Amino acid sequence: MDKKQEYEYILECIEGSEDLDEMLVMQQLRCLWTAFCLHHNLDVDTHEYDVKMDEMWQVMQENESAPYSSLEFGRFYNAMSKYLV
């Protein structure tokens, strides 16, 4: 599985979602992210993990239906890392 393509797919899901505030959509996003991390041995609290989380956060903030305000990066990070820690 190509790492770049899989990550781009996750970003496209964030960009293209019309209602990120829906619990099911966020759960699906979390599962995609978890699978990506497991496929590519990406560990929480590493530089690469943090960089990718920052990128996802930026894309999330551009989506008007984002469930997190610009001050809630910590909540987003914890939610996305839930199954990895």
PDB file of N, CA and C in Angstrom:
ATOM      1  N   MET A   1       0.844  -1.171   0.000  1.00  0.00           N
ATOM      2  CA  MET A   1       0.000   0.000   0.000  1.00  0.00           C
ATOM      3  C   MET A   1       0.896   1.242   0.000  1.00  0.00           C
ATOM      4  N   ASP A   2       0.612   2.151  -0.896  1.00  0.00           N
ATOM      5  CA  ASP A   2       1.425   3.355  -1.023  1.00  0.00           C
ATOM      6  C   ASP A   2       1.085   4.343   0.095  1.00  0.00           C
ATOM      7  N   LYS A   3       2.089   4.695   0.864  1.00  0.00           N
ATOM      8  CA  LYS A   3       1.909   5.572   2.022  1.00  0.00           C
ATOM      9  C   LYS A   3       1.367   6.941   1.623  1.00  0.00           C
ATOM     10  N   LYS A   4       1.936   7.519   0.585  1.00  0.00           N
ATOM     11  CA  LYS A   4       1.507   8.854   0.171  1.00  0.00           C
ATOM     12  C   LYS A   4       0.056   8.835  -0.307  1.00  0.00           C
ATOM     13  N   GLN A   5      -0.307   7.848  -1.109  1.00  0.00           N
ATOM     14  CA  GLN A   5      -1.675   7.767  -1.624  1.00  0.00           C
ATOM     15  C   GLN A   5      -2.675   7.535  -0.492  1.00  0.00           C
ATOM     16  N   GLU A   6      -2.319   6.689   0.441  1.00  0.00           N
ATOM     17  CA  GLU A   6      -3.226   6.406   1.555  1.00  0.00           C
ATOM     18  C   GLU A   6      -3.435   7.662   2.405  1.00  0.00           C
ATOM     19  N   TYR A   7      -2.365   8.408   2.652  1.00  0.00           N
ATOM     20  CA  TYR A   7      -2.475   9.640   3.442  1.00  0.00           C
ATOM     21  C   TYR A   7      -3.281  10.695   2.680  1.00  0.00           C
ATOM     22  N   GLU A   8      -3.041  10.817   1.387  1.00  0.00           N
ATOM     23  CA  GLU A   8      -3.803  11.766   0.568  1.00  0.00           C
ATOM     24  C   GLU A   8      -5.291  11.437   0.591  1.00  0.00           C
ATOM     25  N   TYR A   9      -5.624  10.145   0.609  1.00  0.00           N
ATOM     26  CA  TYR A   9      -7.020   9.730   0.689  1.00  0.00           C
ATOM     27  C   TYR A   9      -7.659  10.242   1.983  1.00  0.00           C
ATOM     28  N   ILE A  10      -6.932  10.145   3.088  1.00  0.00           N
ATOM     29  CA  ILE A  10      -7.441  10.639   4.371  1.00  0.00           C
ATOM     30  C   ILE A  10      -7.682  12.145   4.295  1.00  0.00           C
ATOM     31  N   LEU A  11      -6.730  12.882   3.731  1.00  0.00           N
ATOM     32  CA  LEU A  11      -6.900  14.334   3.597  1.00  0.00           C
ATOM     33  C   LEU A  11      -8.100  14.664   2.711  1.00  0.00           C
ATOM     34  N   GLU A  12      -8.280  13.907   1.645  1.00  0.00           N
ATOM     35  CA  GLU A  12      -9.427  14.118   0.752  1.00  0.00           C
ATOM     36  C   GLU A  12     -10.745  13.846   1.470  1.00  0.00           C
ATOM     37  N   CYS A  13     -10.747  12.865   2.347  1.00  0.00           N
ATOM     38  CA  CYS A  13     -11.950  12.584   3.134  1.00  0.00           C
ATOM     39  C   CYS A  13     -12.293  13.762   4.044  1.00  0.00           C
ATOM     40  N   ILE A  14     -11.270  14.368   4.619  1.00  0.00           N
ATOM     41  CA  ILE A  14     -11.502  15.537   5.479  1.00  0.00           C
ATOM     42  C   ILE A  14     -12.010  16.704   4.638  1.00  0.00           C
ATOM     43  N   GLU A  15     -11.365  16.953   3.513  1.00  0.00           N
ATOM     44  CA  GLU A  15     -11.756  18.069   2.640  1.00  0.00           C
ATOM     45  C   GLU A  15     -13.164  17.892   2.088  1.00  0.00           C
ATOM     46  N   GLY A  16     -13.484  16.678   1.689  1.00  0.00           N
ATOM     47  CA  GLY A  16     -14.726  16.434   0.988  1.00  0.00           C
ATOM     48  C   GLY A  16     -15.941  16.180   1.849  1.00  0.00           C
ATOM     49  N   SER A  17     -15.744  16.013   3.133  1.00  0.00           N
ATOM     50  CA  SER A  17     -16.870  15.722   4.005  1.00  0.00           C
ATOM     51  C   SER A  17     -17.737  16.960   4.177  1.00  0.00           C
ATOM     52  N   GLU A  18     -19.025  16.756   4.006  1.00  0.00           N
ATOM     53  CA  GLU A  18     -19.959  17.871   4.156  1.00  0.00           C
ATOM     54  C   GLU A  18     -20.423  18.043   5.591  1.00  0.00           C
ATOM     55  N   ASP A  19     -20.152  17.063   6.442  1.00  0.00           N
ATOM     56  CA  ASP A  19     -20.593  17.176   7.825  1.00  0.00           C
ATOM     57  C   ASP A  19     -19.638  16.441   8.757  1.00  0.00           C
ATOM     58  N   LEU A  20     -18.486  17.043   8.999  1.00  0.00           N
ATOM     59  CA  LEU A  20     -17.513  16.440   9.900  1.00  0.00           C
ATOM     60  C   LEU A  20     -18.020  16.390  11.328  1.00  0.00           C
ATOM     61  N   ASP A  21     -19.052  17.149  11.611  1.00  0.00           N
ATOM     62  CA  ASP A  21     -19.594  17.184  12.958  1.00  0.00           C
ATOM     63  C   ASP A  21     -20.363  15.905  13.302  1.00  0.00           C
ATOM     64  N   GLU A  22     -20.715  15.119  12.305  1.00  0.00           N
ATOM     65  CA  GLU A  22     -21.410  13.857  12.544  1.00  0.00           C
ATOM     66  C   GLU A  22     -20.463  12.866  13.217  1.00  0.00           C
ATOM     67  N   MET A  23     -20.933  12.242  14.284  1.00  0.00           N
ATOM     68  CA  MET A  23     -20.108  11.305  15.033  1.00  0.00           C
ATOM     69  C   MET A  23     -19.615  10.155  14.157  1.00  0.00           C
ATOM     70  N   LEU A  24     -20.458   9.632  13.301  1.00  0.00           N
ATOM     71  CA  LEU A  24     -20.075   8.504  12.446  1.00  0.00           C
ATOM     72  C   LEU A  24     -18.933   8.887  11.507  1.00  0.00           C
ATOM     73  N   VAL A  25     -18.995  10.078  10.941  1.00  0.00           N
ATOM     74  CA  VAL A  25     -17.943  10.536  10.028  1.00  0.00           C
ATOM     75  C   VAL A  25     -16.619  10.648  10.769  1.00  0.00           C
ATOM     76  N   MET A  26     -16.636  11.204  11.970  1.00  0.00           N
ATOM     77  CA  MET A  26     -15.402  11.327  12.740  1.00  0.00           C
ATOM     78  C   MET A  26     -14.877   9.960  13.164  1.00  0.00           C
ATOM     79  N   GLN A  27     -15.767   9.020  13.461  1.00  0.00           N
ATOM     80  CA  GLN A  27     -15.321   7.671  13.806  1.00  0.00           C
ATOM     81  C   GLN A  27     -14.676   6.996  12.598  1.00  0.00           C
ATOM     82  N   GLN A  28     -15.250   7.195  11.429  1.00  0.00           N
ATOM     83  CA  GLN A  28     -14.666   6.636  10.212  1.00  0.00           C
ATOM     84  C   GLN A  28     -13.290   7.245   9.951  1.00  0.00           C
ATOM     85  N   LEU A  29     -13.176   8.551  10.139  1.00  0.00           N
ATOM     86  CA  LEU A  29     -11.890   9.224   9.956  1.00  0.00           C
ATOM     87  C   LEU A  29     -10.859   8.667  10.944  1.00  0.00           C
ATOM     88  N   ARG A  30     -11.257   8.487  12.191  1.00  0.00           N
ATOM     89  CA  ARG A  30     -10.351   7.937  13.200  1.00  0.00           C
ATOM     90  C   ARG A  30      -9.891   6.534  12.801  1.00  0.00           C
ATOM     91  N   CYS A  31     -10.801   5.738  12.286  1.00  0.00           N
ATOM     92  CA  CYS A  31     -10.445   4.372  11.874  1.00  0.00           C
ATOM     93  C   CYS A  31      -9.500   4.376  10.671  1.00  0.00           C
ATOM     94  N   LEU A  32      -9.741   5.272   9.716  1.00  0.00           N
ATOM     95  CA  LEU A  32      -8.823   5.399   8.578  1.00  0.00           C
ATOM     96  C   LEU A  32      -7.424   5.785   9.058  1.00  0.00           C
ATOM     97  N   TRP A  33      -7.366   6.742   9.969  1.00  0.00           N
ATOM     98  CA  TRP A  33      -6.092   7.207  10.505  1.00  0.00           C
ATOM     99  C   TRP A  33      -5.387   6.090  11.283  1.00  0.00           C
ATOM    100  N   THR A  34      -6.150   5.369  12.081  1.00  0.00           N
ATOM    101  CA  THR A  34      -5.580   4.264  12.853  1.00  0.00           C
ATOM    102  C   THR A  34      -5.004   3.205  11.916  1.00  0.00           C
ATOM    103  N   ALA A  35      -5.749   2.852  10.889  1.00  0.00           N
ATOM    104  CA  ALA A  35      -5.272   1.861   9.919  1.00  0.00           C
ATOM    105  C   ALA A  35      -4.006   2.357   9.226  1.00  0.00           C
ATOM    106  N   PHE A  36      -3.984   3.633   8.849  1.00  0.00           N
ATOM    107  CA  PHE A  36      -2.801   4.212   8.211  1.00  0.00           C
ATOM    108  C   PHE A  36      -1.587   4.074   9.128  1.00  0.00           C
ATOM    109  N   CYS A  37      -1.753   4.423  10.382  1.00  0.00           N
ATOM    110  CA  CYS A  37      -0.638   4.358  11.329  1.00  0.00           C
ATOM    111  C   CYS A  37      -0.154   2.927  11.507  1.00  0.00           C
ATOM    112  N   LEU A  38      -1.080   1.980  11.561  1.00  0.00           N
ATOM    113  CA  LEU A  38      -0.689   0.580  11.715  1.00  0.00           C
ATOM    114  C   LEU A  38      -0.022   0.042  10.453  1.00  0.00           C
ATOM    115  N   HIS A  39      -0.529   0.422   9.281  1.00  0.00           N
ATOM    116  CA  HIS A  39       0.073  -0.025   8.020  1.00  0.00           C
ATOM    117  C   HIS A  39       1.519   0.431   7.893  1.00  0.00           C
ATOM    118  N   HIS A  40       1.800   1.616   8.413  1.00  0.00           N
ATOM    119  CA  HIS A  40       3.106   2.241   8.168  1.00  0.00           C
ATOM    120  C   HIS A  40       3.940   2.409   9.436  1.00  0.00           C
ATOM    121  N   ASN A  41       3.573   1.669  10.486  1.00  0.00           N
ATOM    122  CA  ASN A  41       4.330   1.690  11.749  1.00  0.00           C
ATOM    123  C   ASN A  41       4.576   3.109  12.258  1.00  0.00           C
ATOM    124  N   LEU A  42       3.556   3.921  12.198  1.00  0.00           N
ATOM    125  CA  LEU A  42       3.656   5.305  12.643  1.00  0.00           C
ATOM    126  C   LEU A  42       3.211   5.386  14.098  1.00  0.00           C
ATOM    127  N   ASP A  43       4.124   5.750  14.976  1.00  0.00           N
ATOM    128  CA  ASP A  43       3.851   5.795  16.408  1.00  0.00           C
ATOM    129  C   ASP A  43       3.451   7.200  16.857  1.00  0.00           C
ATOM    130  N   VAL A  44       2.545   7.229  17.834  1.00  0.00           N
ATOM    131  CA  VAL A  44       2.129   8.487  18.453  1.00  0.00           C
ATOM    132  C   VAL A  44       3.338   9.143  19.098  1.00  0.00           C
ATOM    133  N   ASP A  45       3.327  10.454  19.146  1.00  0.00           N
ATOM    134  CA  ASP A  45       4.387  11.244  19.786  1.00  0.00           C
ATOM    135  C   ASP A  45       5.738  11.112  19.108  1.00  0.00           C
ATOM    136  N   THR A  46       5.718  10.910  17.796  1.00  0.00           N
ATOM    137  CA  THR A  46       6.951  10.975  17.013  1.00  0.00           C
ATOM    138  C   THR A  46       6.840  12.188  16.105  1.00  0.00           C
ATOM    139  N   HIS A  47       7.943  12.609  15.568  1.00  0.00           N
ATOM    140  CA  HIS A  47       7.941  13.799  14.720  1.00  0.00           C
ATOM    141  C   HIS A  47       7.032  13.612  13.504  1.00  0.00           C
ATOM    142  N   GLU A  48       7.156  12.488  12.827  1.00  0.00           N
ATOM    143  CA  GLU A  48       6.341  12.259  11.626  1.00  0.00           C
ATOM    144  C   GLU A  48       4.853  12.239  11.965  1.00  0.00           C
ATOM    145  N   TYR A  49       4.492  11.602  13.066  1.00  0.00           N
ATOM    146  CA  TYR A  49       3.094  11.557  13.500  1.00  0.00           C
ATOM    147  C   TYR A  49       2.578  12.974  13.735  1.00  0.00           C
ATOM    148  N   ASP A  50       3.339  13.763  14.475  1.00  0.00           N
ATOM    149  CA  ASP A  50       2.925  15.129  14.788  1.00  0.00           C
ATOM    150  C   ASP A  50       2.798  15.988  13.535  1.00  0.00           C
ATOM    151  N   VAL A  51       3.701  15.827  12.580  1.00  0.00           N
ATOM    152  CA  VAL A  51       3.641  16.588  11.331  1.00  0.00           C
ATOM    153  C   VAL A  51       2.357  16.252  10.570  1.00  0.00           C
ATOM    154  N   LYS A  52       2.052  14.966  10.476  1.00  0.00           N
ATOM    155  CA  LYS A  52       0.848  14.550   9.756  1.00  0.00           C
ATOM    156  C   LYS A  52      -0.416  15.003  10.480  1.00  0.00           C
ATOM    157  N   MET A  53      -0.398  14.960  11.803  1.00  0.00           N
ATOM    158  CA  MET A  53      -1.546  15.452  12.568  1.00  0.00           C
ATOM    159  C   MET A  53      -1.739  16.953  12.329  1.00  0.00           C
ATOM    160  N   ASP A  54      -0.640  17.697  12.300  1.00  0.00           N
ATOM    161  CA  ASP A  54      -0.729  19.134  12.021  1.00  0.00           C
ATOM    162  C   ASP A  54      -1.322  19.385  10.639  1.00  0.00           C
ATOM    163  N   GLU A  55      -0.899  18.597   9.651  1.00  0.00           N
ATOM    164  CA  GLU A  55      -1.438  18.745   8.292  1.00  0.00           C
ATOM    165  C   GLU A  55      -2.932  18.442   8.267  1.00  0.00           C
ATOM    166  N   MET A  56      -3.329  17.363   8.935  1.00  0.00           N
ATOM    167  CA  MET A  56      -4.753  17.024   8.976  1.00  0.00           C
ATOM    168  C   MET A  56      -5.541  18.126   9.680  1.00  0.00           C
ATOM    169  N   TRP A  57      -4.963  18.675  10.737  1.00  0.00           N
ATOM    170  CA  TRP A  57      -5.622  19.748  11.488  1.00  0.00           C
ATOM    171  C   TRP A  57      -5.851  20.967  10.592  1.00  0.00           C
ATOM    172  N   GLN A  58      -4.855  21.319   9.794  1.00  0.00           N
ATOM    173  CA  GLN A  58      -5.000  22.464   8.897  1.00  0.00           C
ATOM    174  C   GLN A  58      -6.118  22.233   7.889  1.00  0.00           C
ATOM    175  N   VAL A  59      -6.178  21.042   7.329  1.00  0.00           N
ATOM    176  CA  VAL A  59      -7.241  20.710   6.372  1.00  0.00           C
ATOM    177  C   VAL A  59      -8.588  20.721   7.085  1.00  0.00           C
ATOM    178  N   MET A  60      -8.626  20.190   8.292  1.00  0.00           N
ATOM    179  CA  MET A  60      -9.853  20.161   9.088  1.00  0.00           C
ATOM    180  C   MET A  60     -10.362  21.589   9.328  1.00  0.00           C
ATOM    181  N   GLN A  61      -9.474  22.499   9.630  1.00  0.00           N
ATOM    182  CA  GLN A  61      -9.880  23.870   9.931  1.00  0.00           C
ATOM    183  C   GLN A  61     -10.415  24.598   8.697  1.00  0.00           C
ATOM    184  N   GLU A  62     -10.036  24.136   7.521  1.00  0.00           N
ATOM    185  CA  GLU A  62     -10.538  24.742   6.285  1.00  0.00           C
ATOM    186  C   GLU A  62     -11.940  24.242   5.935  1.00  0.00           C
ATOM    187  N   ASN A  63     -12.356  23.135   6.542  1.00  0.00           N
ATOM    188  CA  ASN A  63     -13.679  22.572   6.303  1.00  0.00           C
ATOM    189  C   ASN A  63     -14.654  23.246   7.266  1.00  0.00           C
ATOM    190  N   GLU A  64     -15.671  23.896   6.729  1.00  0.00           N
ATOM    191  CA  GLU A  64     -16.606  24.655   7.557  1.00  0.00           C
ATOM    192  C   GLU A  64     -17.413  23.792   8.512  1.00  0.00           C
ATOM    193  N   SER A  65     -17.477  22.489   8.262  1.00  0.00           N
ATOM    194  CA  SER A  65     -18.262  21.624   9.144  1.00  0.00           C
ATOM    195  C   SER A  65     -17.399  20.969  10.226  1.00  0.00           C
ATOM    196  N   ALA A  66     -16.174  21.461  10.403  1.00  0.00           N
ATOM    197  CA  ALA A  66     -15.265  20.869  11.386  1.00  0.00           C
ATOM    198  C   ALA A  66     -15.862  20.954  12.789  1.00  0.00           C
ATOM    199  N   PRO A  67     -15.795  19.850  13.545  1.00  0.00           N
ATOM    200  CA  PRO A  67     -16.381  19.845  14.881  1.00  0.00           C
ATOM    201  C   PRO A  67     -15.485  20.478  15.953  1.00  0.00           C
ATOM    202  N   TYR A  68     -14.285  20.867  15.578  1.00  0.00           N
ATOM    203  CA  TYR A  68     -13.349  21.431  16.542  1.00  0.00           C
ATOM    204  C   TYR A  68     -13.066  22.886  16.202  1.00  0.00           C
ATOM    205  N   SER A  69     -13.089  23.733  17.218  1.00  0.00           N
ATOM    206  CA  SER A  69     -12.714  25.127  16.987  1.00  0.00           C
ATOM    207  C   SER A  69     -11.200  25.191  16.837  1.00  0.00           C
ATOM    208  N   SER A  70     -10.718  26.334  16.410  1.00  0.00           N
ATOM    209  CA  SER A  70      -9.274  26.482  16.165  1.00  0.00           C
ATOM    210  C   SER A  70      -8.444  26.322  17.445  1.00  0.00           C
ATOM    211  N   LEU A  71      -9.087  26.360  18.596  1.00  0.00           N
ATOM    212  CA  LEU A  71      -8.357  26.235  19.863  1.00  0.00           C
ATOM    213  C   LEU A  71      -8.365  24.813  20.416  1.00  0.00           C
ATOM    214  N   GLU A  72      -8.932  23.859  19.682  1.00  0.00           N
ATOM    215  CA  GLU A  72      -9.111  22.522  20.219  1.00  0.00           C
ATOM    216  C   GLU A  72      -8.224  21.457  19.571  1.00  0.00           C
ATOM    217  N   PHE A  73      -7.019  21.827  19.191  1.00  0.00           N
ATOM    218  CA  PHE A  73      -6.117  20.859  18.582  1.00  0.00           C
ATOM    219  C   PHE A  73      -5.872  19.666  19.509  1.00  0.00           C
ATOM    220  N   GLY A  74      -5.731  19.912  20.799  1.00  0.00           N
ATOM    221  CA  GLY A  74      -5.489  18.834  21.759  1.00  0.00           C
ATOM    222  C   GLY A  74      -6.613  17.812  21.767  1.00  0.00           C
ATOM    223  N   ARG A  75      -7.853  18.279  21.702  1.00  0.00           N
ATOM    224  CA  ARG A  75      -8.995  17.357  21.653  1.00  0.00           C
ATOM    225  C   ARG A  75      -8.975  16.532  20.374  1.00  0.00           C
ATOM    226  N   PHE A  76      -8.668  17.181  19.253  1.00  0.00           N
ATOM    227  CA  PHE A  76      -8.581  16.495  17.968  1.00  0.00           C
ATOM    228  C   PHE A  76      -7.471  15.449  18.011  1.00  0.00           C
ATOM    229  N   TYR A  77      -6.311  15.832  18.501  1.00  0.00           N
ATOM    230  CA  TYR A  77      -5.159  14.930  18.594  1.00  0.00           C
ATOM    231  C   TYR A  77      -5.507  13.709  19.436  1.00  0.00           C
ATOM    232  N   ASN A  78      -6.108  13.933  20.586  1.00  0.00           N
ATOM    233  CA  ASN A  78      -6.476  12.816  21.462  1.00  0.00           C
ATOM    234  C   ASN A  78      -7.526  11.921  20.831  1.00  0.00           C
ATOM    235  N   ALA A  79      -8.504  12.516  20.169  1.00  0.00           N
ATOM    236  CA  ALA A  79      -9.559  11.729  19.520  1.00  0.00           C
ATOM    237  C   ALA A  79      -8.975  10.854  18.411  1.00  0.00           C
ATOM    238  N   MET A  80      -8.084  11.415  17.617  1.00  0.00           N
ATOM    239  CA  MET A  80      -7.503  10.667  16.519  1.00  0.00           C
ATOM    240  C   MET A  80      -6.522   9.599  17.008  1.00  0.00           C
ATOM    241  N   SER A  81      -5.959   9.783  18.169  1.00  0.00           N
ATOM    242  CA  SER A  81      -4.965   8.850  18.723  1.00  0.00           C
ATOM    243  C   SER A  81      -5.608   7.792  19.618  1.00  0.00           C
ATOM    244  N   LYS A  82      -6.902   7.861  19.800  1.00  0.00           N
ATOM    245  CA  LYS A  82      -7.608   7.032  20.783  1.00  0.00           C
ATOM    246  C   LYS A  82      -7.253   5.543  20.697  1.00  0.00           C
ATOM    247  N   TYR A  83      -7.205   4.969  19.516  1.00  0.00           N
ATOM    248  CA  TYR A  83      -6.952   3.542  19.374  1.00  0.00           C
ATOM    249  C   TYR A  83      -5.471   3.210  19.213  1.00  0.00           C
ATOM    250  N   LEU A  84      -4.625   4.218  19.316  1.00  0.00           N
ATOM    251  CA  LEU A  84      -3.191   4.013  19.098  1.00  0.00           C
ATOM    252  C   LEU A  84      -2.381   4.075  20.382  1.00  0.00           C
ATOM    253  N   VAL A  85      -2.980   4.531  21.456  1.00  0.00           N
ATOM    254  CA  VAL A  85      -2.249   4.639  22.731  1.00  0.00           C
ATOM    255  C   VAL A  85      -2.791   3.669  23.758  1.00  0.00           C
TER     256      VAL A  85
END
